[in-house]
N, C-alpha and C. Protein backbone atom coordinates (compact mmCIF):
# COMPACT_ATOMS: atom_id res chain seq x y z
N UNK A 1 64.17 14.99 149.26
CA UNK A 1 64.14 13.68 150.02
C UNK A 1 62.97 12.85 149.47
N UNK A 2 63.27 11.58 149.43
CA UNK A 2 62.31 10.43 148.83
C UNK A 2 61.17 10.49 149.98
N UNK A 3 61.37 10.66 151.11
CA UNK A 3 60.18 10.56 152.05
C UNK A 3 58.97 11.35 151.58
N UNK A 4 59.26 12.46 151.21
CA UNK A 4 58.25 13.59 150.99
C UNK A 4 57.64 13.21 149.72
N UNK A 5 58.29 12.76 148.94
CA UNK A 5 57.75 12.31 147.58
C UNK A 5 56.87 11.05 147.86
N UNK A 6 57.22 10.16 148.50
CA UNK A 6 56.36 9.11 148.88
C UNK A 6 55.33 9.53 149.41
N UNK A 7 55.39 10.48 150.55
CA UNK A 7 54.10 10.92 151.18
C UNK A 7 53.07 11.83 150.31
N UNK A 8 53.86 12.37 149.26
CA UNK A 8 52.96 13.21 148.57
C UNK A 8 52.04 12.41 147.64
N UNK A 9 52.94 11.29 146.99
CA UNK A 9 52.47 10.14 146.37
C UNK A 9 50.98 9.50 146.85
N UNK A 10 51.47 9.07 148.11
CA UNK A 10 50.53 8.29 148.88
C UNK A 10 49.04 8.94 149.23
N UNK A 11 49.52 10.28 149.58
CA UNK A 11 48.38 10.91 149.97
C UNK A 11 47.49 11.42 148.77
N UNK A 12 48.18 11.77 147.71
CA UNK A 12 47.65 12.36 146.48
C UNK A 12 46.89 11.04 145.87
N UNK A 13 47.37 9.99 145.78
CA UNK A 13 46.57 8.75 145.26
C UNK A 13 45.32 8.43 146.14
N UNK A 14 45.39 8.57 147.42
CA UNK A 14 44.46 8.19 148.47
C UNK A 14 43.36 9.24 148.16
N UNK A 15 43.93 10.41 148.35
CA UNK A 15 42.79 11.69 148.15
C UNK A 15 42.13 11.69 146.92
N UNK A 16 42.81 11.34 145.78
CA UNK A 16 42.30 11.27 144.47
C UNK A 16 41.20 10.40 144.51
N UNK A 17 41.25 9.15 144.85
CA UNK A 17 40.26 8.03 144.81
C UNK A 17 39.07 8.56 145.52
N UNK A 18 39.05 9.29 146.96
CA UNK A 18 38.03 9.76 147.47
C UNK A 18 37.31 11.02 146.61
N UNK A 19 38.08 11.77 146.13
CA UNK A 19 37.38 13.01 145.57
C UNK A 19 36.90 12.63 144.19
N UNK A 20 37.33 11.62 143.62
CA UNK A 20 36.50 10.91 142.26
C UNK A 20 35.24 10.57 142.67
N UNK A 21 35.38 9.74 143.69
CA UNK A 21 34.09 9.24 144.17
C UNK A 21 33.15 10.19 144.88
N UNK A 22 33.40 11.12 145.09
CA UNK A 22 32.54 12.34 145.57
C UNK A 22 31.97 13.00 144.51
N UNK A 23 32.88 13.12 143.54
CA UNK A 23 32.35 13.92 142.26
C UNK A 23 31.14 13.12 141.74
N UNK A 24 31.71 11.90 141.46
CA UNK A 24 30.73 10.83 140.77
C UNK A 24 29.37 10.88 141.33
N UNK A 25 29.40 10.85 142.86
CA UNK A 25 28.33 10.55 143.40
C UNK A 25 27.40 12.13 143.41
N UNK A 26 28.17 13.23 143.42
CA UNK A 26 27.43 14.64 143.30
C UNK A 26 26.90 14.73 142.05
N UNK A 27 27.33 13.90 141.02
CA UNK A 27 26.69 14.12 139.53
C UNK A 27 25.69 13.27 139.66
N UNK A 28 25.68 11.92 140.13
CA UNK A 28 24.56 11.10 140.18
C UNK A 28 23.45 11.61 140.90
N UNK A 29 23.80 12.42 141.99
CA UNK A 29 22.68 12.77 142.67
C UNK A 29 21.84 14.17 142.27
N UNK A 30 22.25 14.42 141.09
CA UNK A 30 21.39 15.36 140.38
C UNK A 30 20.21 14.62 139.70
N UNK A 31 19.11 15.14 139.73
CA UNK A 31 17.80 14.71 139.16
C UNK A 31 17.91 14.39 137.42
N UNK A 32 18.05 13.20 137.15
CA UNK A 32 18.04 12.67 135.70
C UNK A 32 17.33 13.54 134.91
N UNK A 33 16.14 13.97 135.15
CA UNK A 33 15.24 14.91 134.70
C UNK A 33 15.80 16.17 134.09
N UNK A 34 16.94 16.47 134.62
CA UNK A 34 17.58 17.84 134.34
C UNK A 34 18.27 17.36 133.10
N UNK A 35 18.57 16.27 132.78
CA UNK A 35 19.41 16.18 131.57
C UNK A 35 18.41 15.60 130.51
N UNK A 36 17.29 15.16 130.81
CA UNK A 36 16.07 14.97 129.84
C UNK A 36 15.43 16.18 129.63
N UNK A 37 15.49 17.27 130.27
CA UNK A 37 14.99 18.64 129.80
C UNK A 37 15.83 19.31 128.91
N UNK A 38 16.98 18.96 129.01
CA UNK A 38 18.12 19.71 128.04
C UNK A 38 18.18 19.24 126.74
N UNK A 39 17.91 18.02 126.67
CA UNK A 39 17.83 17.44 125.33
C UNK A 39 16.81 17.94 124.27
N UNK A 40 15.68 18.15 124.76
CA UNK A 40 14.47 18.82 123.61
C UNK A 40 14.95 19.88 123.35
N UNK A 41 15.62 20.79 124.05
CA UNK A 41 16.33 22.13 123.82
C UNK A 41 17.31 22.24 122.84
N UNK A 42 17.76 20.93 122.36
CA UNK A 42 18.71 20.87 121.45
C UNK A 42 20.15 20.91 122.09
N UNK A 43 20.37 20.94 123.28
CA UNK A 43 21.76 20.83 123.99
C UNK A 43 22.30 19.50 123.81
N UNK A 44 23.31 19.62 123.23
CA UNK A 44 24.54 18.25 123.20
C UNK A 44 24.90 17.77 124.69
N UNK A 45 25.22 16.53 124.65
CA UNK A 45 25.34 16.04 126.31
C UNK A 45 26.44 16.80 126.96
N UNK A 46 27.47 17.12 126.40
CA UNK A 46 28.43 17.78 127.09
C UNK A 46 28.20 19.12 127.46
N UNK A 47 27.41 20.18 126.41
CA UNK A 47 26.95 21.13 127.08
C UNK A 47 25.94 21.24 128.21
N UNK A 48 25.03 20.24 128.14
CA UNK A 48 24.11 20.31 129.14
C UNK A 48 24.90 19.66 130.47
N UNK A 49 25.97 18.90 130.16
CA UNK A 49 26.66 18.49 131.54
C UNK A 49 27.27 19.84 131.95
N UNK A 50 27.92 20.59 131.20
CA UNK A 50 28.61 21.82 131.74
C UNK A 50 27.65 23.10 132.22
N UNK A 51 26.81 23.20 131.68
CA UNK A 51 25.56 24.30 131.76
C UNK A 51 24.76 23.96 132.82
N UNK A 52 24.38 22.50 132.74
CA UNK A 52 23.09 22.46 133.89
C UNK A 52 23.42 21.43 134.92
N UNK A 53 24.32 20.36 134.63
CA UNK A 53 24.27 19.36 135.66
C UNK A 53 25.23 19.66 136.60
N UNK A 54 26.58 20.24 136.22
CA UNK A 54 27.79 20.53 136.99
C UNK A 54 27.33 21.47 138.11
N UNK A 55 26.82 22.67 137.73
CA UNK A 55 26.55 23.76 138.71
C UNK A 55 25.75 23.00 139.86
N UNK A 56 24.72 22.40 139.62
CA UNK A 56 23.96 21.62 140.56
C UNK A 56 24.59 20.65 141.33
N UNK A 57 25.57 20.00 140.78
CA UNK A 57 26.36 18.79 141.46
C UNK A 57 27.46 19.65 142.19
N UNK A 58 27.97 20.81 141.80
CA UNK A 58 29.02 21.43 142.69
C UNK A 58 28.41 21.77 144.20
N UNK A 59 27.08 22.35 144.19
CA UNK A 59 26.57 22.61 145.17
C UNK A 59 26.53 21.39 146.14
N UNK A 60 26.28 20.22 145.71
CA UNK A 60 26.24 19.02 146.70
C UNK A 60 27.66 18.50 147.04
N UNK A 61 28.79 19.00 145.96
CA UNK A 61 29.93 18.28 146.17
C UNK A 61 30.77 19.22 147.09
N UNK A 62 30.45 20.59 147.18
CA UNK A 62 31.42 21.38 147.83
C UNK A 62 31.76 21.01 149.39
N UNK A 63 30.63 21.03 150.10
CA UNK A 63 30.93 20.49 151.59
C UNK A 63 31.60 19.39 151.71
N UNK A 64 31.32 18.45 151.11
CA UNK A 64 32.03 17.07 151.16
C UNK A 64 33.40 17.11 150.80
N UNK A 65 33.79 18.09 149.70
CA UNK A 65 35.31 18.27 149.35
C UNK A 65 35.88 19.04 150.42
N UNK A 66 35.22 19.84 151.04
CA UNK A 66 35.87 20.68 152.14
C UNK A 66 36.21 19.38 153.45
N UNK A 67 35.33 18.43 153.63
CA UNK A 67 35.51 17.57 154.70
C UNK A 67 36.65 16.71 154.20
N UNK A 68 37.04 16.48 152.95
CA UNK A 68 37.77 15.68 152.44
C UNK A 68 39.28 16.61 152.54
N UNK A 69 39.34 17.52 152.40
CA UNK A 69 40.39 18.68 152.73
C UNK A 69 40.84 18.58 154.10
N UNK A 70 39.91 18.58 155.06
CA UNK A 70 40.30 18.67 156.57
C UNK A 70 40.96 17.34 156.78
N UNK A 71 40.23 16.18 156.41
CA UNK A 71 40.69 14.83 156.62
C UNK A 71 42.22 14.72 155.91
N UNK A 72 42.45 15.19 154.89
CA UNK A 72 43.75 15.29 154.31
C UNK A 72 44.86 16.00 155.11
N UNK A 73 44.39 17.06 155.56
CA UNK A 73 45.12 17.87 156.44
C UNK A 73 45.58 17.02 157.80
N UNK A 74 44.69 16.50 158.18
CA UNK A 74 44.77 15.85 159.60
C UNK A 74 45.67 14.54 159.16
N UNK A 75 45.37 13.95 158.22
CA UNK A 75 46.25 12.51 157.78
C UNK A 75 47.74 12.97 157.46
N UNK A 76 48.14 14.22 157.10
CA UNK A 76 49.40 14.48 156.78
C UNK A 76 50.40 14.25 158.18
N UNK A 77 49.80 14.31 159.47
CA UNK A 77 50.81 13.65 160.47
C UNK A 77 51.26 12.39 160.35
N UNK A 78 50.57 11.41 159.57
CA UNK A 78 51.12 10.15 159.30
C UNK A 78 52.44 10.12 158.69
N UNK A 79 52.71 11.24 157.88
CA UNK A 79 54.05 11.12 157.19
C UNK A 79 55.21 10.93 157.99
N UNK A 80 55.01 11.47 159.57
CA UNK A 80 55.91 11.42 160.46
C UNK A 80 56.33 10.01 160.88
N UNK A 81 55.34 9.15 160.51
CA UNK A 81 55.70 7.64 160.61
C UNK A 81 56.89 7.17 159.69
N UNK A 82 56.75 7.61 158.46
CA UNK A 82 57.72 7.37 157.44
C UNK A 82 58.87 8.11 157.21
N UNK A 83 59.06 8.93 158.07
CA UNK A 83 60.24 9.76 157.88
C UNK A 83 60.03 11.17 157.78
N UNK A 84 59.04 11.48 157.58
CA UNK A 84 58.70 12.99 157.22
C UNK A 84 58.46 14.03 158.83
N UNK A 85 57.94 15.32 158.78
CA UNK A 85 57.93 16.03 159.78
C UNK A 85 56.47 16.45 159.75
N UNK A 86 55.78 16.36 161.01
CA UNK A 86 54.18 16.93 161.04
C UNK A 86 54.52 18.25 161.63
N UNK A 87 53.50 19.03 161.63
CA UNK A 87 53.63 20.34 162.45
C UNK A 87 54.06 20.37 163.70
N UNK A 88 53.87 19.42 164.46
CA UNK A 88 54.38 19.67 165.87
C UNK A 88 55.66 19.25 165.92
N UNK A 89 56.30 18.30 165.12
CA UNK A 89 57.64 18.15 165.14
C UNK A 89 58.44 19.26 164.73
N UNK A 90 57.78 20.08 163.65
CA UNK A 90 58.49 21.36 163.23
C UNK A 90 58.37 22.58 164.40
N UNK A 91 57.44 22.26 165.05
CA UNK A 91 57.31 23.36 166.37
C UNK A 91 58.41 22.85 167.41
N UNK A 92 58.85 21.61 167.39
CA UNK A 92 60.01 20.98 168.26
C UNK A 92 61.27 21.77 167.73
N UNK A 93 61.40 21.59 166.56
CA UNK A 93 62.82 22.12 165.75
C UNK A 93 62.93 23.44 165.99
N UNK A 94 61.57 24.19 165.76
CA UNK A 94 61.53 25.82 166.22
C UNK A 94 62.07 26.06 167.48
N UNK A 95 61.60 25.04 168.53
CA UNK A 95 61.54 25.73 169.93
C UNK A 95 63.15 25.31 170.20
N UNK A 96 63.90 24.19 169.80
CA UNK A 96 65.29 23.86 169.92
C UNK A 96 66.22 24.71 169.26
N UNK A 97 65.82 25.48 168.25
CA UNK A 97 66.75 26.36 167.64
C UNK A 97 66.56 27.77 168.18
N UNK A 98 65.44 28.07 168.71
CA UNK A 98 65.19 29.66 168.79
C UNK A 98 65.05 29.63 170.64
N UNK A 99 65.08 28.63 171.31
CA UNK A 99 64.80 28.62 172.72
C UNK A 99 63.49 29.41 173.21
N UNK A 100 62.68 29.31 172.54
CA UNK A 100 61.51 30.17 172.82
C UNK A 100 60.40 28.83 172.96
N UNK A 101 60.09 28.69 173.91
CA UNK A 101 59.09 27.24 174.27
C UNK A 101 57.68 27.81 173.99
N UNK A 102 57.25 29.11 174.15
CA UNK A 102 55.87 29.23 174.07
C UNK A 102 55.18 29.48 172.68
N UNK A 103 56.36 30.19 171.89
CA UNK A 103 55.70 30.78 170.43
C UNK A 103 55.21 29.43 169.31
N UNK A 104 56.20 28.65 169.54
CA UNK A 104 55.57 27.24 168.53
C UNK A 104 54.28 26.75 169.11
N UNK A 105 54.22 26.98 170.50
CA UNK A 105 53.10 25.89 171.09
C UNK A 105 51.65 26.89 170.87
N UNK A 106 51.83 28.13 170.65
CA UNK A 106 50.80 29.15 170.46
C UNK A 106 50.49 29.06 169.14
N UNK A 107 51.41 28.95 168.14
CA UNK A 107 51.11 29.12 166.72
C UNK A 107 50.66 27.92 166.03
N UNK A 108 51.14 26.73 166.39
CA UNK A 108 50.90 25.67 165.71
C UNK A 108 49.19 25.09 165.99
N UNK A 109 48.90 24.98 167.22
CA UNK A 109 47.47 24.42 167.36
C UNK A 109 46.34 25.38 166.81
N UNK A 110 46.66 26.70 166.68
CA UNK A 110 45.56 27.39 165.94
C UNK A 110 45.52 27.27 164.63
N UNK A 111 46.72 26.89 163.85
CA UNK A 111 46.73 26.85 162.45
C UNK A 111 46.11 25.53 162.03
N UNK A 112 46.33 24.46 163.05
CA UNK A 112 45.92 23.22 162.44
C UNK A 112 44.33 23.13 163.12
N UNK A 113 43.84 23.92 164.05
CA UNK A 113 42.50 23.82 164.23
C UNK A 113 41.59 24.72 163.51
N UNK A 114 42.02 26.11 163.53
CA UNK A 114 41.14 27.08 162.92
C UNK A 114 41.25 27.15 161.38
N UNK A 115 42.26 26.79 160.57
CA UNK A 115 42.23 26.83 159.32
C UNK A 115 41.28 25.67 158.59
N UNK A 116 41.21 24.48 159.11
CA UNK A 116 40.11 23.63 158.76
C UNK A 116 38.68 24.12 159.09
N UNK A 117 38.64 24.61 160.30
CA UNK A 117 37.16 25.40 160.48
C UNK A 117 36.85 26.46 159.62
N UNK A 118 37.86 27.36 159.37
CA UNK A 118 37.47 28.61 158.41
C UNK A 118 37.30 27.89 157.09
N UNK A 119 38.03 26.91 156.53
CA UNK A 119 37.86 26.39 155.21
C UNK A 119 36.43 25.53 155.06
N UNK A 120 35.98 25.11 156.21
CA UNK A 120 34.70 24.43 156.32
C UNK A 120 33.47 25.48 156.15
N UNK A 121 33.67 26.67 157.14
CA UNK A 121 32.75 27.81 157.01
C UNK A 121 32.62 28.00 155.39
N UNK A 122 33.83 28.37 154.76
CA UNK A 122 33.75 28.88 153.46
C UNK A 122 33.00 28.05 152.64
N UNK A 123 33.01 26.84 152.97
CA UNK A 123 32.57 25.71 151.74
C UNK A 123 31.14 25.59 152.07
N UNK A 124 30.76 25.80 153.33
CA UNK A 124 29.26 25.80 153.66
C UNK A 124 28.50 27.19 153.14
N UNK A 125 29.07 28.10 153.34
CA UNK A 125 28.58 29.40 152.76
C UNK A 125 28.52 29.53 151.47
N UNK A 126 29.35 28.98 150.66
CA UNK A 126 29.63 29.05 149.13
C UNK A 126 28.40 27.78 148.67
N UNK A 127 28.10 26.69 149.33
CA UNK A 127 27.24 25.89 149.00
C UNK A 127 25.70 26.02 149.33
N UNK A 128 25.54 27.12 150.30
CA UNK A 128 24.43 27.31 150.73
C UNK A 128 23.72 26.41 151.76
N UNK A 129 24.68 25.74 152.50
CA UNK A 129 24.26 24.89 153.60
C UNK A 129 24.08 25.70 154.80
């Protein structure tokens, strides 16, 4: 269906803009003295960026990327307004087909609230925050 493609493109472009800004800010947040210290060692700019700057920037970027992932997960319910299905609508469909009222209600909310929480904890532990 066209609606899913439109949703993927819209959220992909929106998230790509935020992620690129997050990466730019993370790289700029690294002390410029790090690059200055790599030059006398004979490192070319690309190697210094790969071996020195990016690992330090990754530590700053990771928690913010986790937040962006959580925001993207929550924003996908907006696709329902342009014709797609969000998780609660899928729960309604399962309920109507299986006649089990409580199974979708018990499974959808934990998946939408626990997975972002678990992902955020993982990002925080990897970044040392």
